[in-house]
N, C-alpha and C. Protein backbone atom coordinates (compact mmCIF):
# COMPACT_ATOMS: atom_id res chain seq x y z
N MET A 1 31.73 -7.84 -9.30
CA MET A 1 32.45 -6.55 -8.20
C MET A 1 31.68 -5.03 -8.02
N PRO A 2 30.81 -5.25 -7.73
CA PRO A 2 30.11 -4.28 -7.07
C PRO A 2 31.06 -3.47 -6.27
N ASP A 3 31.83 -3.73 -5.28
CA ASP A 3 32.51 -2.93 -4.61
C ASP A 3 33.84 -2.21 -5.63
N ILE A 4 34.27 -2.79 -6.76
CA ILE A 4 35.08 -2.17 -7.75
C ILE A 4 34.85 -0.80 -8.75
N ASN A 5 33.50 -1.74 -8.90
CA ASN A 5 32.26 -0.25 -9.56
C ASN A 5 32.22 0.73 -8.87
N LEU A 6 31.31 0.76 -7.42
CA LEU A 6 31.35 1.96 -6.34
C LEU A 6 32.55 2.78 -6.61
N ILE A 7 33.82 2.19 -6.34
CA ILE A 7 34.90 2.91 -6.09
C ILE A 7 35.07 3.76 -7.70
N GLU A 8 34.80 3.18 -8.29
CA GLU A 8 35.67 3.74 -9.77
C GLU A 8 34.34 4.59 -9.85
N ALA A 9 32.76 4.59 -9.59
CA ALA A 9 31.89 5.65 -10.10
C ALA A 9 32.68 7.01 -8.76
N LEU A 10 32.82 6.89 -7.94
CA LEU A 10 33.49 7.90 -7.05
C LEU A 10 34.64 8.49 -7.96
N VAL A 11 35.54 7.82 -8.44
CA VAL A 11 36.97 8.56 -8.66
C VAL A 11 36.10 9.25 -9.67
N CYS A 12 35.43 8.55 -10.32
CA CYS A 12 34.40 8.99 -11.99
C CYS A 12 34.40 10.62 -11.47
N GLN A 13 33.35 10.44 -10.05
CA GLN A 13 32.61 11.54 -9.81
C GLN A 13 33.62 12.86 -9.32
N TYR A 14 34.48 12.29 -8.79
CA TYR A 14 36.07 13.34 -8.68
C TYR A 14 36.65 13.96 -9.79
N GLU A 15 36.34 13.32 -10.70
CA GLU A 15 37.16 14.04 -11.96
C GLU A 15 36.86 14.77 -12.41
N GLN A 16 35.03 14.51 -12.83
CA GLN A 16 34.24 15.23 -13.04
C GLN A 16 34.12 16.68 -12.65
N LYS A 17 34.62 16.39 -11.22
CA LYS A 17 34.23 17.68 -10.33
C LYS A 17 33.10 18.17 -9.85
N LYS A 18 32.56 16.67 -9.26
CA LYS A 18 30.72 16.70 -8.99
C LYS A 18 30.61 16.25 -7.28
N ILE A 19 32.28 15.90 -6.94
CA ILE A 19 32.56 15.78 -5.66
C ILE A 19 33.87 16.45 -5.31
N SER A 20 33.75 16.68 -3.95
CA SER A 20 35.18 17.26 -3.38
C SER A 20 36.40 16.10 -3.22
N ARG A 21 37.95 16.94 -3.42
CA ARG A 21 38.54 15.40 -2.18
C ARG A 21 37.75 14.60 -0.88
N ARG A 22 38.04 15.66 -0.21
CA ARG A 22 36.99 15.61 1.04
C ARG A 22 35.76 14.12 0.87
N GLU A 23 34.92 14.68 0.19
CA GLU A 23 33.90 13.92 0.05
C GLU A 23 34.70 12.21 -0.73
N LEU A 24 35.17 12.46 -1.89
CA LEU A 24 35.74 11.32 -1.92
C LEU A 24 36.45 10.43 -1.30
N VAL A 25 37.06 11.08 -0.25
CA VAL A 25 37.94 10.10 0.68
C VAL A 25 37.33 9.72 1.60
N SER A 26 36.50 10.52 2.46
CA SER A 26 35.49 9.81 3.22
C SER A 26 34.00 8.78 2.29
N SER A 27 33.91 8.65 1.20
CA SER A 27 33.02 8.05 0.60
C SER A 27 34.32 6.82 0.56
N LEU A 28 35.37 6.78 0.47
CA LEU A 28 35.59 5.62 -0.21
C LEU A 28 36.66 4.80 1.25
N ILE A 29 36.44 5.45 2.33
CA ILE A 29 36.12 5.28 3.98
C ILE A 29 35.44 4.36 4.36
N ALA A 30 34.64 5.27 3.85
CA ALA A 30 33.14 4.56 4.44
C ALA A 30 32.89 2.64 3.55
N THR A 31 33.33 3.51 1.83
CA THR A 31 32.86 1.85 1.36
C THR A 31 34.26 0.69 2.10
N ALA A 32 35.38 1.22 2.59
CA ALA A 32 36.44 -0.10 3.10
C ALA A 32 35.79 -0.45 4.18
N ALA A 33 35.19 0.12 4.63
CA ALA A 33 34.66 0.26 6.07
C ALA A 33 33.54 -0.97 5.92
N THR A 34 32.70 -0.54 4.94
CA THR A 34 31.47 -1.62 4.60
C THR A 34 31.95 -3.15 3.80
N ILE A 35 32.64 -2.85 3.39
CA ILE A 35 33.61 -4.09 2.90
C ILE A 35 34.24 -4.84 3.76
N SER A 36 34.63 -4.20 4.39
CA SER A 36 35.64 -5.09 5.87
C SER A 36 34.74 -5.72 6.99
N ALA A 37 33.67 -5.14 6.75
CA ALA A 37 32.49 -5.42 7.77
C ALA A 37 31.87 -6.79 7.62
N SER A 38 31.68 -6.87 6.13
CA SER A 38 30.80 -7.81 5.61
C SER A 38 31.40 -8.57 4.90
N LYS A 39 32.88 -8.83 4.98
CA LYS A 39 33.71 -9.78 4.70
C LYS A 39 33.58 -10.49 6.16
N SER A 40 34.27 -9.85 7.19
CA SER A 40 34.08 -10.10 8.63
C SER A 40 33.11 -10.94 9.37
N PHE A 41 31.87 -10.50 8.51
CA PHE A 41 30.45 -11.70 9.01
C PHE A 41 30.15 -12.69 8.29
N SER A 42 30.96 -12.65 7.08
CA SER A 42 31.05 -13.75 6.52
C SER A 42 31.94 -15.20 6.30
N GLN A 43 32.52 -14.64 7.20
CA GLN A 43 33.92 -15.83 7.42
C GLN A 43 33.27 -16.66 7.97
N THR A 44 34.17 -17.99 7.65
CA THR A 44 33.85 -19.09 8.05
C THR A 44 34.70 -19.19 9.63
N PRO A 45 33.81 -19.39 10.52
CA PRO A 45 34.73 -19.36 12.01
C PRO A 45 36.00 -20.63 11.64
N PRO A 46 37.28 -20.09 12.65
CA PRO A 46 37.77 -21.64 12.34
C PRO A 46 37.40 -22.86 12.55
N PRO A 47 38.16 -23.76 12.89
CA PRO A 47 38.12 -25.53 12.61
C PRO A 47 37.54 -25.65 14.48
N VAL A 48 36.48 -26.30 14.53
CA VAL A 48 36.48 -26.50 15.84
C VAL A 48 37.39 -27.12 16.87
N SER A 49 38.04 -28.08 16.15
CA SER A 49 39.54 -28.46 16.64
C SER A 49 40.26 -28.73 15.62
N ILE A 50 41.21 -29.49 15.62
CA ILE A 50 42.22 -30.23 14.48
C ILE A 50 42.07 -32.27 15.00
N GLY A 51 41.25 -32.90 14.09
CA GLY A 51 41.38 -34.17 14.10
C GLY A 51 42.91 -34.45 14.64
N ARG A 52 42.99 -35.80 15.03
CA ARG A 52 44.43 -36.18 14.91
C ARG A 52 44.55 -37.48 15.13
N SER A 53 43.27 -38.72 15.12
CA SER A 53 43.23 -40.00 14.91
C SER A 53 42.01 -39.94 14.42
N MET A 54 41.71 -41.43 13.80
CA MET A 54 40.42 -42.11 13.94
C MET A 54 40.30 -43.11 14.81
N ASN A 55 39.83 -42.43 15.99
CA ASN A 55 39.80 -43.03 17.16
C ASN A 55 38.76 -44.26 17.37
N HIS A 56 38.18 -44.41 16.63
CA HIS A 56 37.43 -45.58 16.21
C HIS A 56 35.84 -45.23 15.38
N VAL A 57 35.58 -47.21 14.54
CA VAL A 57 34.20 -46.83 14.36
C VAL A 57 33.61 -47.67 15.21
N SER A 58 32.17 -47.55 15.58
CA SER A 58 31.68 -48.42 15.99
C SER A 58 29.95 -48.97 14.75
N LEU A 59 30.37 -50.44 14.69
CA LEU A 59 29.47 -50.95 14.08
C LEU A 59 27.71 -51.77 14.87
N SER A 60 27.03 -51.72 13.89
CA SER A 60 26.05 -52.36 14.37
C SER A 60 25.84 -53.74 13.90
N VAL A 61 26.15 -54.92 14.86
CA VAL A 61 25.61 -56.15 14.38
C VAL A 61 24.61 -56.74 15.50
N SER A 62 24.54 -58.14 14.87
CA SER A 62 23.44 -58.69 14.80
C SER A 62 23.93 -59.68 16.26
N ASP A 63 25.27 -60.19 16.24
CA ASP A 63 25.70 -60.66 17.55
C ASP A 63 26.77 -60.46 17.75
N VAL A 64 27.05 -59.64 19.40
CA VAL A 64 28.49 -59.03 19.50
C VAL A 64 29.11 -60.02 19.56
N ASP A 65 29.60 -61.16 20.36
CA ASP A 65 30.32 -61.66 20.70
C ASP A 65 30.89 -62.54 19.63
N ARG A 66 29.62 -63.18 18.33
CA ARG A 66 30.53 -63.81 17.05
C ARG A 66 30.97 -62.66 16.25
N SER A 67 30.78 -61.55 16.30
CA SER A 67 31.44 -60.30 15.42
C SER A 67 32.95 -60.37 16.15
N ALA A 68 32.75 -60.03 17.64
CA ALA A 68 34.69 -60.20 18.29
C ALA A 68 35.22 -61.47 18.08
N ASN A 69 34.59 -62.61 18.05
CA ASN A 69 35.17 -63.52 17.43
C ASN A 69 35.91 -64.30 15.94
N PHE A 70 34.96 -63.39 14.95
CA PHE A 70 35.47 -62.96 13.74
C PHE A 70 36.60 -61.95 14.06
N TYR A 71 36.37 -60.97 14.47
CA TYR A 71 37.88 -60.07 13.94
C TYR A 71 39.13 -60.43 15.00
N GLU A 72 38.55 -61.15 15.89
CA GLU A 72 40.38 -61.82 16.70
C GLU A 72 40.41 -62.71 16.02
N LYS A 73 39.96 -64.05 15.05
CA LYS A 73 40.34 -64.96 14.69
C LYS A 73 40.53 -64.47 13.01
N VAL A 74 40.51 -63.34 12.57
CA VAL A 74 40.29 -63.07 11.15
C VAL A 74 41.79 -61.76 11.26
N LEU A 75 41.57 -61.02 12.45
CA LEU A 75 42.56 -60.10 11.96
C LEU A 75 43.44 -59.93 13.33
N GLY A 76 42.95 -60.55 14.21
CA GLY A 76 43.61 -60.90 15.48
C GLY A 76 43.33 -59.39 16.69
N LEU A 77 42.57 -59.01 16.31
CA LEU A 77 42.13 -57.98 17.08
C LEU A 77 41.81 -58.71 18.44
N ASN A 78 42.06 -58.01 19.97
CA ASN A 78 42.10 -58.21 21.26
C ASN A 78 41.04 -57.38 21.54
N VAL A 79 40.27 -57.96 22.57
CA VAL A 79 39.01 -57.18 23.35
C VAL A 79 39.99 -56.04 24.33
N ILE A 80 39.48 -54.63 24.37
CA ILE A 80 40.14 -53.86 25.47
C ILE A 80 39.05 -53.44 26.29
N SER A 81 37.84 -53.79 25.87
CA SER A 81 36.60 -52.74 27.18
C SER A 81 35.58 -54.10 26.79
N ARG A 82 34.57 -53.63 27.35
CA ARG A 82 33.47 -54.51 27.61
C ARG A 82 32.23 -52.99 27.87
N PRO A 83 31.82 -52.07 27.86
CA PRO A 83 30.70 -51.04 28.50
C PRO A 83 29.99 -51.77 28.83
N ALA A 84 29.34 -51.24 29.64
CA ALA A 84 27.98 -51.66 30.46
C ALA A 84 26.93 -51.75 29.28
N ASN A 85 26.85 -51.15 28.29
CA ASN A 85 25.92 -51.31 27.19
C ASN A 85 25.85 -52.43 26.55
N GLY A 86 26.27 -53.25 27.11
CA GLY A 86 26.86 -55.15 25.89
C GLY A 86 28.03 -55.10 24.99
N GLY A 87 27.90 -53.53 24.74
CA GLY A 87 29.04 -53.66 23.47
C GLY A 87 30.82 -54.45 24.11
N ILE A 88 31.23 -54.60 22.65
CA ILE A 88 32.43 -54.77 22.64
C ILE A 88 33.52 -54.26 22.33
N ASN A 89 34.82 -53.22 22.69
CA ASN A 89 35.63 -52.78 22.04
C ASN A 89 36.96 -53.54 21.52
N MET A 90 36.98 -53.70 20.49
CA MET A 90 38.48 -54.04 20.05
C MET A 90 39.53 -53.86 19.69
N GLY A 91 40.71 -53.49 19.91
CA GLY A 91 41.69 -52.70 19.83
C GLY A 91 42.78 -52.67 18.50
N LEU A 92 42.69 -51.87 17.90
CA LEU A 92 43.57 -51.76 17.10
C LEU A 92 44.61 -50.69 17.20
N GLY A 93 45.84 -51.02 16.80
CA GLY A 93 47.25 -50.66 17.56
C GLY A 93 47.10 -50.10 19.23
N ASP A 94 47.86 -48.78 18.83
CA ASP A 94 47.64 -47.82 20.24
C ASP A 94 46.66 -46.79 20.38
N GLU A 95 46.31 -46.39 19.44
CA GLU A 95 45.51 -45.35 19.38
C GLU A 95 43.98 -45.56 18.74
N SER A 96 43.49 -46.36 18.87
CA SER A 96 42.44 -46.43 18.06
C SER A 96 41.59 -47.87 18.21
N PHE A 97 40.67 -48.41 18.08
CA PHE A 97 39.77 -49.72 18.47
C PHE A 97 38.13 -49.62 17.27
N LEU A 98 38.02 -50.92 17.49
CA LEU A 98 36.77 -51.05 16.25
C LEU A 98 35.67 -51.20 17.90
N GLY A 99 34.33 -50.80 17.63
CA GLY A 99 33.39 -50.69 18.46
C GLY A 99 32.15 -51.94 17.69
N LEU A 100 31.68 -53.14 18.82
CA LEU A 100 30.82 -53.55 17.87
C LEU A 100 29.68 -53.44 19.14
N TYR A 101 28.40 -52.94 18.78
CA TYR A 101 27.46 -53.06 19.31
C TYR A 101 26.32 -53.30 18.68
N ASN A 102 25.42 -54.67 19.57
CA ASN A 102 23.96 -55.05 19.38
C ASN A 102 22.95 -53.95 19.17
N LEU A 103 22.77 -53.17 17.55
CA LEU A 103 21.58 -52.06 17.68
C LEU A 103 21.30 -52.12 16.44
N SER A 104 19.87 -51.33 15.87
CA SER A 104 19.58 -51.38 14.78
C SER A 104 20.11 -51.31 13.86
N ASN A 105 19.98 -51.79 12.44
CA ASN A 105 20.93 -52.07 11.04
C ASN A 105 21.55 -52.77 11.07
N PRO A 106 21.73 -53.54 11.80
CA PRO A 106 23.18 -54.59 12.03
C PRO A 106 23.48 -54.90 10.50
N GLY A 107 25.18 -54.89 10.46
CA GLY A 107 25.81 -54.80 8.97
C GLY A 107 25.83 -53.17 8.54
N SER A 108 25.64 -52.53 9.28
CA SER A 108 25.99 -51.06 9.02
C SER A 108 26.55 -50.25 10.10
N MET A 109 27.66 -49.09 9.91
CA MET A 109 28.46 -48.10 10.76
C MET A 109 27.26 -47.31 11.56
N HIS A 110 27.34 -47.42 13.29
CA HIS A 110 26.62 -46.64 13.70
C HIS A 110 27.17 -45.21 14.23
N HIS A 111 28.26 -45.40 14.21
CA HIS A 111 29.26 -43.65 14.12
C HIS A 111 30.75 -43.89 13.59
N LEU A 112 31.38 -42.84 13.56
CA LEU A 112 32.85 -43.04 13.38
C LEU A 112 33.42 -41.92 14.68
N CYS A 113 34.06 -42.33 15.31
CA CYS A 113 34.75 -40.46 16.50
C CYS A 113 36.33 -40.42 16.01
N ILE A 114 36.65 -39.00 15.86
CA ILE A 114 37.80 -38.68 15.83
C ILE A 114 38.52 -38.28 16.70
N GLY A 115 39.86 -38.06 16.98
CA GLY A 115 40.10 -38.04 17.78
C GLY A 115 40.33 -36.69 18.13
N VAL A 116 40.85 -35.86 18.91
CA VAL A 116 41.37 -34.38 18.79
C VAL A 116 41.94 -33.74 20.69
N GLU A 117 43.05 -33.14 20.22
CA GLU A 117 43.45 -32.65 21.28
C GLU A 117 42.54 -31.47 22.16
N ASN A 118 42.99 -31.77 23.41
CA ASN A 118 42.52 -30.69 24.43
C ASN A 118 40.87 -31.08 24.24
N TYR A 119 40.13 -32.25 24.58
CA TYR A 119 38.85 -32.53 24.41
C TYR A 119 38.12 -32.13 25.26
N ASP A 120 37.07 -31.18 25.34
CA ASP A 120 36.09 -30.25 26.19
C ASP A 120 34.70 -30.21 25.74
N PRO A 121 34.13 -31.09 25.89
CA PRO A 121 32.98 -30.85 25.16
C PRO A 121 31.99 -29.59 24.93
N GLU A 122 32.06 -29.12 26.08
CA GLU A 122 31.10 -27.73 26.45
C GLU A 122 31.45 -27.00 25.18
N ILE A 123 32.93 -26.49 25.74
CA ILE A 123 33.74 -25.49 24.34
C ILE A 123 33.39 -26.17 22.97
N LEU A 124 33.77 -27.13 22.66
CA LEU A 124 33.39 -27.68 21.63
C LEU A 124 31.88 -27.54 20.70
N VAL A 125 30.88 -28.11 21.99
CA VAL A 125 29.21 -27.32 21.53
C VAL A 125 28.96 -25.92 21.01
N ASP A 126 29.83 -25.29 21.79
CA ASP A 126 29.81 -23.95 21.53
C ASP A 126 30.51 -23.79 19.92
N LYS A 127 31.79 -24.09 19.66
CA LYS A 127 32.01 -24.68 18.34
C LYS A 127 31.62 -24.40 17.46
N LEU A 128 30.87 -25.94 17.39
CA LEU A 128 30.40 -26.15 16.30
C LEU A 128 28.91 -25.47 16.17
N GLN A 129 28.61 -24.83 17.19
CA GLN A 129 27.36 -24.11 16.76
C GLN A 129 27.82 -22.81 15.87
N GLU A 130 29.28 -22.23 16.00
CA GLU A 130 29.73 -21.15 15.16
C GLU A 130 29.53 -21.83 13.40
N HIS A 131 29.51 -23.18 13.44
CA HIS A 131 29.47 -23.62 11.97
C HIS A 131 27.92 -24.23 12.01
N ARG A 132 26.95 -23.41 12.66
CA ARG A 132 25.51 -24.04 12.53
C ARG A 132 25.13 -25.77 12.79
N VAL A 133 26.14 -26.44 13.47
CA VAL A 133 26.22 -27.64 13.46
C VAL A 133 25.82 -27.78 14.80
N SER A 134 24.14 -28.91 14.94
CA SER A 134 23.55 -29.11 16.48
C SER A 134 24.44 -30.30 16.35
N ALA A 135 24.99 -30.46 18.66
CA ALA A 135 25.28 -30.97 18.95
C ALA A 135 25.23 -31.56 20.14
N THR A 136 25.52 -32.78 20.40
CA THR A 136 24.89 -33.58 21.26
C THR A 136 25.63 -33.69 22.59
N VAL A 137 25.27 -34.07 23.98
CA VAL A 137 26.16 -34.28 24.66
C VAL A 137 25.63 -35.62 25.62
N ASN A 138 26.01 -37.09 25.58
CA ASN A 138 25.23 -37.75 26.37
C ASN A 138 26.60 -37.74 27.71
N ARG A 139 26.16 -37.93 28.53
CA ARG A 139 26.74 -37.56 30.10
C ARG A 139 26.30 -39.11 30.69
N ASN A 140 25.82 -39.97 30.22
CA ASN A 140 25.11 -41.51 31.26
C ASN A 140 26.51 -42.26 31.08
N PRO A 141 26.94 -42.42 32.24
CA PRO A 141 28.29 -43.28 32.52
C PRO A 141 28.17 -44.87 32.16
N ALA A 142 26.66 -45.23 31.67
CA ALA A 142 26.60 -46.32 31.28
C ALA A 142 27.02 -46.51 29.60
N ASN A 143 27.45 -45.82 28.97
CA ASN A 143 27.43 -45.54 27.96
C ASN A 143 29.02 -45.47 27.46
N ARG A 144 29.62 -45.63 29.09
CA ARG A 144 31.25 -45.38 28.40
C ARG A 144 31.45 -45.70 29.16
N THR A 145 33.60 -46.43 29.01
CA THR A 145 33.78 -46.62 29.75
C THR A 145 34.88 -45.94 30.70
N SER A 146 35.51 -45.33 30.10
CA SER A 146 36.16 -43.80 30.00
C SER A 146 36.27 -42.81 29.18
N GLY A 147 37.29 -41.99 28.82
CA GLY A 147 36.99 -40.62 27.87
C GLY A 147 36.06 -39.92 28.56
N GLY A 148 35.20 -39.61 29.17
CA GLY A 148 34.84 -38.86 29.90
C GLY A 148 33.50 -38.44 28.92
N ASP A 149 32.22 -37.42 29.01
CA ASP A 149 31.01 -37.20 28.21
C ASP A 149 31.31 -37.60 26.71
N GLN A 150 30.66 -38.03 26.52
CA GLN A 150 30.57 -38.47 24.72
C GLN A 150 30.02 -37.07 23.95
N LEU A 151 30.77 -36.66 22.48
CA LEU A 151 29.81 -35.72 21.76
C LEU A 151 29.74 -36.25 20.64
N TYR A 152 28.31 -35.74 20.12
CA TYR A 152 28.09 -36.55 19.23
C TYR A 152 27.56 -34.93 18.30
N PHE A 153 27.67 -35.02 17.04
CA PHE A 153 26.85 -34.61 15.74
C PHE A 153 26.53 -35.11 14.79
N SER A 154 25.54 -34.85 13.48
CA SER A 154 25.59 -35.35 12.07
C SER A 154 26.64 -34.55 11.31
N ASP A 155 26.98 -35.36 10.21
CA ASP A 155 27.87 -34.47 9.01
C ASP A 155 26.57 -33.94 8.01
N PRO A 156 26.54 -33.47 7.07
CA PRO A 156 25.68 -32.94 5.95
C PRO A 156 24.76 -34.35 5.40
N ASP A 157 25.56 -35.97 5.33
CA ASP A 157 24.77 -36.91 5.12
C ASP A 157 24.34 -37.39 6.06
N GLY A 158 24.25 -37.28 7.27
CA GLY A 158 23.28 -37.60 8.27
C GLY A 158 24.28 -38.51 8.74
N ILE A 159 25.33 -38.88 9.03
CA ILE A 159 26.69 -39.81 9.33
C ILE A 159 26.87 -39.19 10.84
N LEU A 160 26.28 -39.83 11.77
CA LEU A 160 26.69 -39.57 13.33
C LEU A 160 28.69 -39.49 13.29
N VAL A 161 28.78 -38.31 14.10
CA VAL A 161 30.62 -38.27 14.17
C VAL A 161 30.49 -38.34 15.52
N GLN A 162 31.27 -39.07 16.54
CA GLN A 162 31.80 -38.03 17.67
C GLN A 162 33.13 -37.86 17.94
N ILE A 163 33.08 -36.79 18.66
CA ILE A 163 34.72 -36.25 19.03
C ILE A 163 35.23 -37.01 20.90
N ALA A 164 35.74 -36.86 20.82
CA ALA A 164 36.54 -37.40 21.86
C ALA A 164 38.02 -36.87 21.73
N GLU A 165 38.59 -37.55 22.94
CA GLU A 165 40.17 -37.22 23.23
C GLU A 165 40.94 -37.59 22.43
N HIS A 166 41.87 -37.41 21.84
CA HIS A 166 42.98 -37.85 20.79
C HIS A 166 43.91 -38.95 22.30
N GLY A 167 43.54 -40.27 21.46
CA GLY A 167 44.18 -42.07 22.55
C GLY A 167 43.31 -42.50 23.44
N TYR A 168 41.84 -41.42 23.44
CA TYR A 168 41.00 -42.70 24.09
C TYR A 168 40.57 -43.78 23.27
N LEU A 169 40.10 -45.01 24.45
CA LEU A 169 40.53 -46.36 23.97
C LEU A 169 38.99 -46.51 24.49
N GLY A 170 37.88 -46.08 24.64
CA GLY A 170 37.07 -46.89 24.63
C GLY A 170 37.04 -47.04 26.33
């Protein structure tokens, strides 16, 4: 608590008549301003956005059609879209889906997507930078069927995270 020690030292100097009342007050004001400024610089910025749903998870699979058949038979999922990049998106309720894509590392999760309100990739990229998080926006229409440009970043463990409009259904 160096700030309290400084204040106590100033009060002690005043009580020992080493500084005047005016010097004490001005020193306390300066100390308070310094403390306030340092706290405002060290505060964590507000959240980038508020997550509203687990929009989707995309899996890397070795055979997209075989995996889609599996999830249809075992869990009753239906195909809701077929993106131009060869994947299949299978509906999970009204607000989420499972993406199946022929990507490297079959048997692993490629990325997860969190649905947010008021999705605007440009604003979100700036807000992520305030958190020292580097993000990319994929504007390639072949990689999406709806939902606009795709925003991606990595979490501290390297897991790829996408943010999309809450309710986006691939």
